[in-house]
């Protein structure tokens, strides 16, 4: 399986046809695969690298610590979702 890639520049281009194609491609990716990679999003590489660093630090924490961030009433929509809950 290949991860679908969409280009946010298409959505922001000002061209209605390109914008609609982006929306269709994004929707198709979520329907068929469940996730998508977005290019030309404008998020700096340094910020992305920092995010990965913090995510790795969080998941390296003991399970008991991670469970403090689990919010059962939100059904995995926010916070930490432990294994076997999705």
PDB file of N, CA and C in Angstrom:
ATOM      1  N   UNK A   1       0.843  -1.172   0.000  1.00  0.00           N
ATOM      2  CA  UNK A   1       0.000   0.000   0.000  1.00  0.00           C
ATOM      3  C   UNK A   1       0.892   1.240   0.000  1.00  0.00           C
ATOM      4  N   UNK A   2       0.503   2.221  -0.756  1.00  0.00           N
ATOM      5  CA  UNK A   2       1.220   3.487  -0.847  1.00  0.00           C
ATOM      6  C   UNK A   2       0.450   4.560  -0.083  1.00  0.00           C
ATOM      7  N   UNK A   3       1.188   5.392   0.628  1.00  0.00           N
ATOM      8  CA  UNK A   3       0.552   6.511   1.331  1.00  0.00           C
ATOM      9  C   UNK A   3       0.207   7.584   0.302  1.00  0.00           C
ATOM     10  N   UNK A   4      -1.064   7.959   0.220  1.00  0.00           N
ATOM     11  CA  UNK A   4      -1.443   9.027  -0.714  1.00  0.00           C
ATOM     12  C   UNK A   4      -0.812  10.359  -0.295  1.00  0.00           C
ATOM     13  N   UNK A   5      -0.443  11.161  -1.280  1.00  0.00           N
ATOM     14  CA  UNK A   5       0.152  12.474  -1.033  1.00  0.00           C
ATOM     15  C   UNK A   5      -0.712  13.528  -1.722  1.00  0.00           C
ATOM     16  N   UNK A   6      -1.058  14.568  -0.981  1.00  0.00           N
ATOM     17  CA  UNK A   6      -1.779  15.704  -1.558  1.00  0.00           C
ATOM     18  C   UNK A   6      -0.938  16.958  -1.361  1.00  0.00           C
ATOM     19  N   UNK A   7      -1.139  17.919  -2.241  1.00  0.00           N
ATOM     20  CA  UNK A   7      -0.352  19.152  -2.234  1.00  0.00           C
ATOM     21  C   UNK A   7      -1.257  20.310  -1.811  1.00  0.00           C
ATOM     22  N   UNK A   8      -1.009  20.849  -0.626  1.00  0.00           N
ATOM     23  CA  UNK A   8      -1.838  21.939  -0.116  1.00  0.00           C
ATOM     24  C   UNK A   8      -1.778  23.177  -1.015  1.00  0.00           C
ATOM     25  N   UNK A   9      -0.703  23.320  -1.774  1.00  0.00           N
ATOM     26  CA  UNK A   9      -0.593  24.450  -2.703  1.00  0.00           C
ATOM     27  C   UNK A   9      -1.723  24.425  -3.731  1.00  0.00           C
ATOM     28  N   UNK A  10      -2.216  23.242  -4.055  1.00  0.00           N
ATOM     29  CA  UNK A  10      -3.342  23.131  -4.989  1.00  0.00           C
ATOM     30  C   UNK A  10      -4.599  23.749  -4.385  1.00  0.00           C
ATOM     31  N   UNK A  11      -4.820  23.480  -3.109  1.00  0.00           N
ATOM     32  CA  UNK A  11      -5.994  24.026  -2.426  1.00  0.00           C
ATOM     33  C   UNK A  11      -5.903  25.541  -2.300  1.00  0.00           C
ATOM     34  N   UNK A  12      -4.696  26.039  -2.080  1.00  0.00           N
ATOM     35  CA  UNK A  12      -4.483  27.470  -1.852  1.00  0.00           C
ATOM     36  C   UNK A  12      -4.215  28.256  -3.137  1.00  0.00           C
ATOM     37  N   UNK A  13      -4.279  27.591  -4.274  1.00  0.00           N
ATOM     38  CA  UNK A  13      -3.880  28.200  -5.547  1.00  0.00           C
ATOM     39  C   UNK A  13      -4.795  29.321  -6.029  1.00  0.00           C
ATOM     40  N   UNK A  14      -6.028  29.357  -5.536  1.00  0.00           N
ATOM     41  CA  UNK A  14      -6.985  30.340  -6.031  1.00  0.00           C
ATOM     42  C   UNK A  14      -7.772  29.843  -7.231  1.00  0.00           C
ATOM     43  N   UNK A  15      -7.379  28.683  -7.758  1.00  0.00           N
ATOM     44  CA  UNK A  15      -8.071  28.074  -8.895  1.00  0.00           C
ATOM     45  C   UNK A  15      -9.113  27.094  -8.357  1.00  0.00           C
ATOM     46  N   UNK A  16     -10.371  27.356  -8.627  1.00  0.00           N
ATOM     47  CA  UNK A  16     -11.461  26.544  -8.065  1.00  0.00           C
ATOM     48  C   UNK A  16     -11.382  25.080  -8.499  1.00  0.00           C
ATOM     49  N   UNK A  17     -10.979  24.823  -9.739  1.00  0.00           N
ATOM     50  CA  UNK A  17     -10.866  23.447 -10.229  1.00  0.00           C
ATOM     51  C   UNK A  17      -9.789  22.692  -9.466  1.00  0.00           C
ATOM     52  N   UNK A  18      -8.633  23.322  -9.284  1.00  0.00           N
ATOM     53  CA  UNK A  18      -7.538  22.686  -8.536  1.00  0.00           C
ATOM     54  C   UNK A  18      -7.929  22.475  -7.078  1.00  0.00           C
ATOM     55  N   UNK A  19      -8.640  23.435  -6.523  1.00  0.00           N
ATOM     56  CA  UNK A  19      -9.098  23.329  -5.134  1.00  0.00           C
ATOM     57  C   UNK A  19     -10.051  22.136  -4.979  1.00  0.00           C
ATOM     58  N   UNK A  20     -10.996  22.007  -5.880  1.00  0.00           N
ATOM     59  CA  UNK A  20     -11.948  20.897  -5.817  1.00  0.00           C
ATOM     60  C   UNK A  20     -11.248  19.551  -6.001  1.00  0.00           C
ATOM     61  N   UNK A  21     -10.242  19.500  -6.878  1.00  0.00           N
ATOM     62  CA  UNK A  21      -9.494  18.257  -7.078  1.00  0.00           C
ATOM     63  C   UNK A  21      -8.748  17.874  -5.801  1.00  0.00           C
ATOM     64  N   UNK A  22      -8.167  18.869  -5.142  1.00  0.00           N
ATOM     65  CA  UNK A  22      -7.494  18.618  -3.864  1.00  0.00           C
ATOM     66  C   UNK A  22      -8.473  18.013  -2.863  1.00  0.00           C
ATOM     67  N   UNK A  23      -9.646  18.612  -2.743  1.00  0.00           N
ATOM     68  CA  UNK A  23     -10.657  18.137  -1.794  1.00  0.00           C
ATOM     69  C   UNK A  23     -11.063  16.704  -2.129  1.00  0.00           C
ATOM     70  N   UNK A  24     -11.261  16.413  -3.405  1.00  0.00           N
ATOM     71  CA  UNK A  24     -11.621  15.056  -3.818  1.00  0.00           C
ATOM     72  C   UNK A  24     -10.507  14.070  -3.494  1.00  0.00           C
ATOM     73  N   UNK A  25      -9.261  14.444  -3.795  1.00  0.00           N
ATOM     74  CA  UNK A  25      -8.119  13.565  -3.526  1.00  0.00           C
ATOM     75  C   UNK A  25      -7.950  13.318  -2.031  1.00  0.00           C
ATOM     76  N   UNK A  26      -8.129  14.356  -1.238  1.00  0.00           N
ATOM     77  CA  UNK A  26      -8.013  14.223   0.214  1.00  0.00           C
ATOM     78  C   UNK A  26      -9.100  13.292   0.750  1.00  0.00           C
ATOM     79  N   UNK A  27     -10.333  13.513   0.330  1.00  0.00           N
ATOM     80  CA  UNK A  27     -11.437  12.667   0.771  1.00  0.00           C
ATOM     81  C   UNK A  27     -11.241  11.218   0.374  1.00  0.00           C
ATOM     82  N   UNK A  28     -10.797  10.992  -0.849  1.00  0.00           N
ATOM     83  CA  UNK A  28     -10.555   9.628  -1.331  1.00  0.00           C
ATOM     84  C   UNK A  28      -9.475   8.945  -0.494  1.00  0.00           C
ATOM     85  N   UNK A  29      -8.418   9.681  -0.181  1.00  0.00           N
ATOM     86  CA  UNK A  29      -7.333   9.111   0.626  1.00  0.00           C
ATOM     87  C   UNK A  29      -7.845   8.685   1.996  1.00  0.00           C
ATOM     88  N   UNK A  30      -8.633   9.529   2.635  1.00  0.00           N
ATOM     89  CA  UNK A  30      -9.169   9.186   3.956  1.00  0.00           C
ATOM     90  C   UNK A  30     -10.148   8.024   3.876  1.00  0.00           C
ATOM     91  N   UNK A  31     -10.956   7.969   2.825  1.00  0.00           N
ATOM     92  CA  UNK A  31     -11.921   6.882   2.680  1.00  0.00           C
ATOM     93  C   UNK A  31     -11.240   5.547   2.402  1.00  0.00           C
ATOM     94  N   UNK A  32     -10.229   5.555   1.535  1.00  0.00           N
ATOM     95  CA  UNK A  32      -9.615   4.308   1.086  1.00  0.00           C
ATOM     96  C   UNK A  32      -8.453   3.841   1.948  1.00  0.00           C
ATOM     97  N   UNK A  33      -7.695   4.775   2.510  1.00  0.00           N
ATOM     98  CA  UNK A  33      -6.494   4.411   3.262  1.00  0.00           C
ATOM     99  C   UNK A  33      -6.613   4.780   4.738  1.00  0.00           C
ATOM    100  N   UNK A  34      -7.257   5.902   5.020  1.00  0.00           N
ATOM    101  CA  UNK A  34      -7.425   6.332   6.403  1.00  0.00           C
ATOM    102  C   UNK A  34      -6.463   7.413   6.839  1.00  0.00           C
ATOM    103  N   UNK A  35      -5.489   7.708   6.019  1.00  0.00           N
ATOM    104  CA  UNK A  35      -4.571   8.802   6.317  1.00  0.00           C
ATOM    105  C   UNK A  35      -3.926   9.270   5.024  1.00  0.00           C
ATOM    106  N   UNK A  36      -3.195  10.381   5.110  1.00  0.00           N
ATOM    107  CA  UNK A  36      -2.626  11.005   3.922  1.00  0.00           C
ATOM    108  C   UNK A  36      -1.407  11.830   4.329  1.00  0.00           C
ATOM    109  N   UNK A  37      -0.462  11.982   3.410  1.00  0.00           N
ATOM    110  CA  UNK A  37       0.668  12.892   3.610  1.00  0.00           C
ATOM    111  C   UNK A  37       0.345  14.188   2.867  1.00  0.00           C
ATOM    112  N   UNK A  38       0.619  15.313   3.518  1.00  0.00           N
ATOM    113  CA  UNK A  38       0.343  16.615   2.910  1.00  0.00           C
ATOM    114  C   UNK A  38       1.674  17.328   2.677  1.00  0.00           C
ATOM    115  N   UNK A  39       1.923  17.718   1.431  1.00  0.00           N
ATOM    116  CA  UNK A  39       3.146  18.476   1.137  1.00  0.00           C
ATOM    117  C   UNK A  39       2.798  19.944   0.916  1.00  0.00           C
ATOM    118  N   UNK A  40       3.803  20.779   1.013  1.00  0.00           N
ATOM    119  CA  UNK A  40       3.642  22.238   0.883  1.00  0.00           C
ATOM    120  C   UNK A  40       2.664  22.793   1.909  1.00  0.00           C
ATOM    121  N   UNK A  41       2.763  22.267   3.124  1.00  0.00           N
ATOM    122  CA  UNK A  41       1.869  22.665   4.223  1.00  0.00           C
ATOM    123  C   UNK A  41       2.369  23.892   4.964  1.00  0.00           C
ATOM    124  N   UNK A  42       3.634  24.234   4.804  1.00  0.00           N
ATOM    125  CA  UNK A  42       4.164  25.433   5.437  1.00  0.00           C
ATOM    126  C   UNK A  42       4.685  25.249   6.853  1.00  0.00           C
ATOM    127  N   UNK A  43       4.604  24.045   7.393  1.00  0.00           N
ATOM    128  CA  UNK A  43       5.124  23.801   8.739  1.00  0.00           C
ATOM    129  C   UNK A  43       6.637  23.612   8.616  1.00  0.00           C
ATOM    130  N   UNK A  44       7.423  24.411   9.331  1.00  0.00           N
ATOM    131  CA  UNK A  44       8.882  24.331   9.216  1.00  0.00           C
ATOM    132  C   UNK A  44       9.429  22.961   9.634  1.00  0.00           C
ATOM    133  N   UNK A  45      10.468  22.507   8.928  1.00  0.00           N
ATOM    134  CA  UNK A  45      11.090  21.217   9.238  1.00  0.00           C
ATOM    135  C   UNK A  45      11.558  21.146  10.686  1.00  0.00           C
ATOM    136  N   UNK A  46      12.056  22.251  11.221  1.00  0.00           N
ATOM    137  CA  UNK A  46      12.536  22.272  12.605  1.00  0.00           C
ATOM    138  C   UNK A  46      11.397  21.971  13.581  1.00  0.00           C
ATOM    139  N   UNK A  47      10.234  22.523  13.333  1.00  0.00           N
ATOM    140  CA  UNK A  47       9.078  22.266  14.193  1.00  0.00           C
ATOM    141  C   UNK A  47       8.650  20.803  14.104  1.00  0.00           C
ATOM    142  N   UNK A  48       8.678  20.242  12.903  1.00  0.00           N
ATOM    143  CA  UNK A  48       8.336  18.830  12.727  1.00  0.00           C
ATOM    144  C   UNK A  48       9.334  17.955  13.473  1.00  0.00           C
ATOM    145  N   UNK A  49      10.620  18.268  13.373  1.00  0.00           N
ATOM    146  CA  UNK A  49      11.648  17.501  14.079  1.00  0.00           C
ATOM    147  C   UNK A  49      11.440  17.578  15.587  1.00  0.00           C
ATOM    148  N   UNK A  50      11.108  18.762  16.095  1.00  0.00           N
ATOM    149  CA  UNK A  50      10.823  18.912  17.529  1.00  0.00           C
ATOM    150  C   UNK A  50       9.636  18.062  17.940  1.00  0.00           C
ATOM    151  N   UNK A  51       8.602  18.043  17.117  1.00  0.00           N
ATOM    152  CA  UNK A  51       7.419  17.233  17.415  1.00  0.00           C
ATOM    153  C   UNK A  51       7.792  15.759  17.544  1.00  0.00           C
ATOM    154  N   UNK A  52       8.549  15.237  16.578  1.00  0.00           N
ATOM    155  CA  UNK A  52       8.962  13.834  16.643  1.00  0.00           C
ATOM    156  C   UNK A  52       9.761  13.554  17.912  1.00  0.00           C
ATOM    157  N   UNK A  53      10.627  14.487  18.287  1.00  0.00           N
ATOM    158  CA  UNK A  53      11.425  14.320  19.501  1.00  0.00           C
ATOM    159  C   UNK A  53      10.520  14.204  20.722  1.00  0.00           C
ATOM    160  N   UNK A  54       9.534  15.093  20.835  1.00  0.00           N
ATOM    161  CA  UNK A  54       8.634  15.079  21.994  1.00  0.00           C
ATOM    162  C   UNK A  54       7.720  13.859  21.994  1.00  0.00           C
ATOM    163  N   UNK A  55       7.292  13.433  20.823  1.00  0.00           N
ATOM    164  CA  UNK A  55       6.456  12.227  20.735  1.00  0.00           C
ATOM    165  C   UNK A  55       7.258  11.011  21.200  1.00  0.00           C
ATOM    166  N   UNK A  56       8.504  10.904  20.764  1.00  0.00           N
ATOM    167  CA  UNK A  56       9.348   9.787  21.198  1.00  0.00           C
ATOM    168  C   UNK A  56       9.561   9.823  22.708  1.00  0.00           C
ATOM    169  N   UNK A  57       9.763  11.005  23.259  1.00  0.00           N
ATOM    170  CA  UNK A  57       9.929  11.123  24.710  1.00  0.00           C
ATOM    171  C   UNK A  57       8.666  10.683  25.438  1.00  0.00           C
ATOM    172  N   UNK A  58       7.504  11.083  24.930  1.00  0.00           N
ATOM    173  CA  UNK A  58       6.247  10.703  25.573  1.00  0.00           C
ATOM    174  C   UNK A  58       6.065   9.194  25.553  1.00  0.00           C
ATOM    175  N   UNK A  59       6.253   8.569  24.399  1.00  0.00           N
ATOM    176  CA  UNK A  59       6.018   7.131  24.306  1.00  0.00           C
ATOM    177  C   UNK A  59       7.075   6.309  25.029  1.00  0.00           C
ATOM    178  N   UNK A  60       8.187   6.920  25.395  1.00  0.00           N
ATOM    179  CA  UNK A  60       9.201   6.234  26.198  1.00  0.00           C
ATOM    180  C   UNK A  60       8.852   6.249  27.687  1.00  0.00           C
ATOM    181  N   UNK A  61       7.853   7.024  28.073  1.00  0.00           N
ATOM    182  CA  UNK A  61       7.437   7.097  29.482  1.00  0.00           C
ATOM    183  C   UNK A  61       6.838   5.768  29.931  1.00  0.00           C
ATOM    184  N   UNK A  62       6.840   5.511  31.235  1.00  0.00           N
ATOM    185  CA  UNK A  62       6.189   4.305  31.750  1.00  0.00           C
ATOM    186  C   UNK A  62       4.692   4.317  31.422  1.00  0.00           C
ATOM    187  N   UNK A  63       4.139   3.142  31.252  1.00  0.00           N
ATOM    188  CA  UNK A  63       2.722   3.012  30.904  1.00  0.00           C
ATOM    189  C   UNK A  63       1.829   3.728  31.901  1.00  0.00           C
ATOM    190  N   UNK A  64       2.122   3.623  33.181  1.00  0.00           N
ATOM    191  CA  UNK A  64       1.299   4.292  34.198  1.00  0.00           C
ATOM    192  C   UNK A  64       1.255   5.807  33.982  1.00  0.00           C
ATOM    193  N   UNK A  65       2.367   6.379  33.581  1.00  0.00           N
ATOM    194  CA  UNK A  65       2.417   7.821  33.327  1.00  0.00           C
ATOM    195  C   UNK A  65       1.572   8.177  32.108  1.00  0.00           C
ATOM    196  N   UNK A  66       1.687   7.389  31.044  1.00  0.00           N
ATOM    197  CA  UNK A  66       0.905   7.661  29.830  1.00  0.00           C
ATOM    198  C   UNK A  66      -0.591   7.531  30.104  1.00  0.00           C
ATOM    199  N   UNK A  67      -0.973   6.604  30.959  1.00  0.00           N
ATOM    200  CA  UNK A  67      -2.397   6.411  31.269  1.00  0.00           C
ATOM    201  C   UNK A  67      -3.014   7.645  31.921  1.00  0.00           C
ATOM    202  N   UNK A  68      -2.219   8.485  32.542  1.00  0.00           N
ATOM    203  CA  UNK A  68      -2.750   9.720  33.124  1.00  0.00           C
ATOM    204  C   UNK A  68      -3.302  10.662  32.055  1.00  0.00           C
ATOM    205  N   UNK A  69      -2.888  10.449  30.816  1.00  0.00           N
ATOM    206  CA  UNK A  69      -3.323  11.301  29.707  1.00  0.00           C
ATOM    207  C   UNK A  69      -4.422  10.653  28.874  1.00  0.00           C
ATOM    208  N   UNK A  70      -4.932   9.531  29.341  1.00  0.00           N
ATOM    209  CA  UNK A  70      -6.022   8.846  28.651  1.00  0.00           C
ATOM    210  C   UNK A  70      -7.349   9.441  29.112  1.00  0.00           C
ATOM    211  N   UNK A  71      -8.217   9.751  28.165  1.00  0.00           N
ATOM    212  CA  UNK A  71      -9.517  10.356  28.473  1.00  0.00           C
ATOM    213  C   UNK A  71     -10.597   9.426  27.906  1.00  0.00           C
ATOM    214  N   UNK A  72     -11.019   8.425  28.684  1.00  0.00           N
ATOM    215  CA  UNK A  72     -11.932   7.395  28.168  1.00  0.00           C
ATOM    216  C   UNK A  72     -13.224   7.941  27.571  1.00  0.00           C
ATOM    217  N   UNK A  73     -13.784   8.986  28.169  1.00  0.00           N
ATOM    218  CA  UNK A  73     -15.060   9.505  27.671  1.00  0.00           C
ATOM    219  C   UNK A  73     -14.956  10.142  26.280  1.00  0.00           C
ATOM    220  N   UNK A  74     -13.744  10.367  25.798  1.00  0.00           N
ATOM    221  CA  UNK A  74     -13.566  10.929  24.459  1.00  0.00           C
ATOM    222  C   UNK A  74     -13.258   9.856  23.418  1.00  0.00           C
ATOM    223  N   UNK A  75     -13.269   8.603  23.834  1.00  0.00           N
ATOM    224  CA  UNK A  75     -13.111   7.456  22.917  1.00  0.00           C
ATOM    225  C   UNK A  75     -11.892   7.576  22.000  1.00  0.00           C
ATOM    226  N   UNK A  76     -10.772   8.019  22.538  1.00  0.00           N
ATOM    227  CA  UNK A  76      -9.545   8.100  21.759  1.00  0.00           C
ATOM    228  C   UNK A  76      -9.423   9.316  20.866  1.00  0.00           C
ATOM    229  N   UNK A  77     -10.350  10.247  20.968  1.00  0.00           N
ATOM    230  CA  UNK A  77     -10.302  11.431  20.110  1.00  0.00           C
ATOM    231  C   UNK A  77      -9.314  12.483  20.611  1.00  0.00           C
ATOM    232  N   UNK A  78      -8.933  12.413  21.868  1.00  0.00           N
ATOM    233  CA  UNK A  78      -7.956  13.337  22.454  1.00  0.00           C
ATOM    234  C   UNK A  78      -7.144  12.568  23.493  1.00  0.00           C
ATOM    235  N   UNK A  79      -5.962  13.054  23.761  1.00  0.00           N
ATOM    236  CA  UNK A  79      -5.140  12.439  24.792  1.00  0.00           C
ATOM    237  C   UNK A  79      -4.485  11.156  24.306  1.00  0.00           C
ATOM    238  N   UNK A  80      -4.108  10.319  25.242  1.00  0.00           N
ATOM    239  CA  UNK A  80      -3.422   9.061  24.962  1.00  0.00           C
ATOM    240  C   UNK A  80      -4.445   7.945  24.815  1.00  0.00           C
ATOM    241  N   UNK A  81      -4.218   7.059  23.857  1.00  0.00           N
ATOM    242  CA  UNK A  81      -5.062   5.879  23.689  1.00  0.00           C
ATOM    243  C   UNK A  81      -4.169   4.663  23.857  1.00  0.00           C
ATOM    244  N   UNK A  82      -4.415   3.872  24.890  1.00  0.00           N
ATOM    245  CA  UNK A  82      -3.564   2.715  25.156  1.00  0.00           C
ATOM    246  C   UNK A  82      -3.840   1.597  24.158  1.00  0.00           C
ATOM    247  N   UNK A  83      -2.917   0.652  24.103  1.00  0.00           N
ATOM    248  CA  UNK A  83      -3.022  -0.464  23.166  1.00  0.00           C
ATOM    249  C   UNK A  83      -4.289  -1.265  23.413  1.00  0.00           C
ATOM    250  N   UNK A  84      -4.920  -1.692  22.333  1.00  0.00           N
ATOM    251  CA  UNK A  84      -6.121  -2.501  22.426  1.00  0.00           C
ATOM    252  C   UNK A  84      -7.405  -1.718  22.605  1.00  0.00           C
ATOM    253  N   UNK A  85      -7.339  -0.403  22.606  1.00  0.00           N
ATOM    254  CA  UNK A  85      -8.535   0.429  22.823  1.00  0.00           C
ATOM    255  C   UNK A  85      -9.151   0.935  21.520  1.00  0.00           C
ATOM    256  N   UNK A  86      -8.413   0.863  20.426  1.00  0.00           N
ATOM    257  CA  UNK A  86      -8.967   1.373  19.160  1.00  0.00           C
ATOM    258  C   UNK A  86      -9.584   0.246  18.381  1.00  0.00           C
TER     259      UNK A  86
END
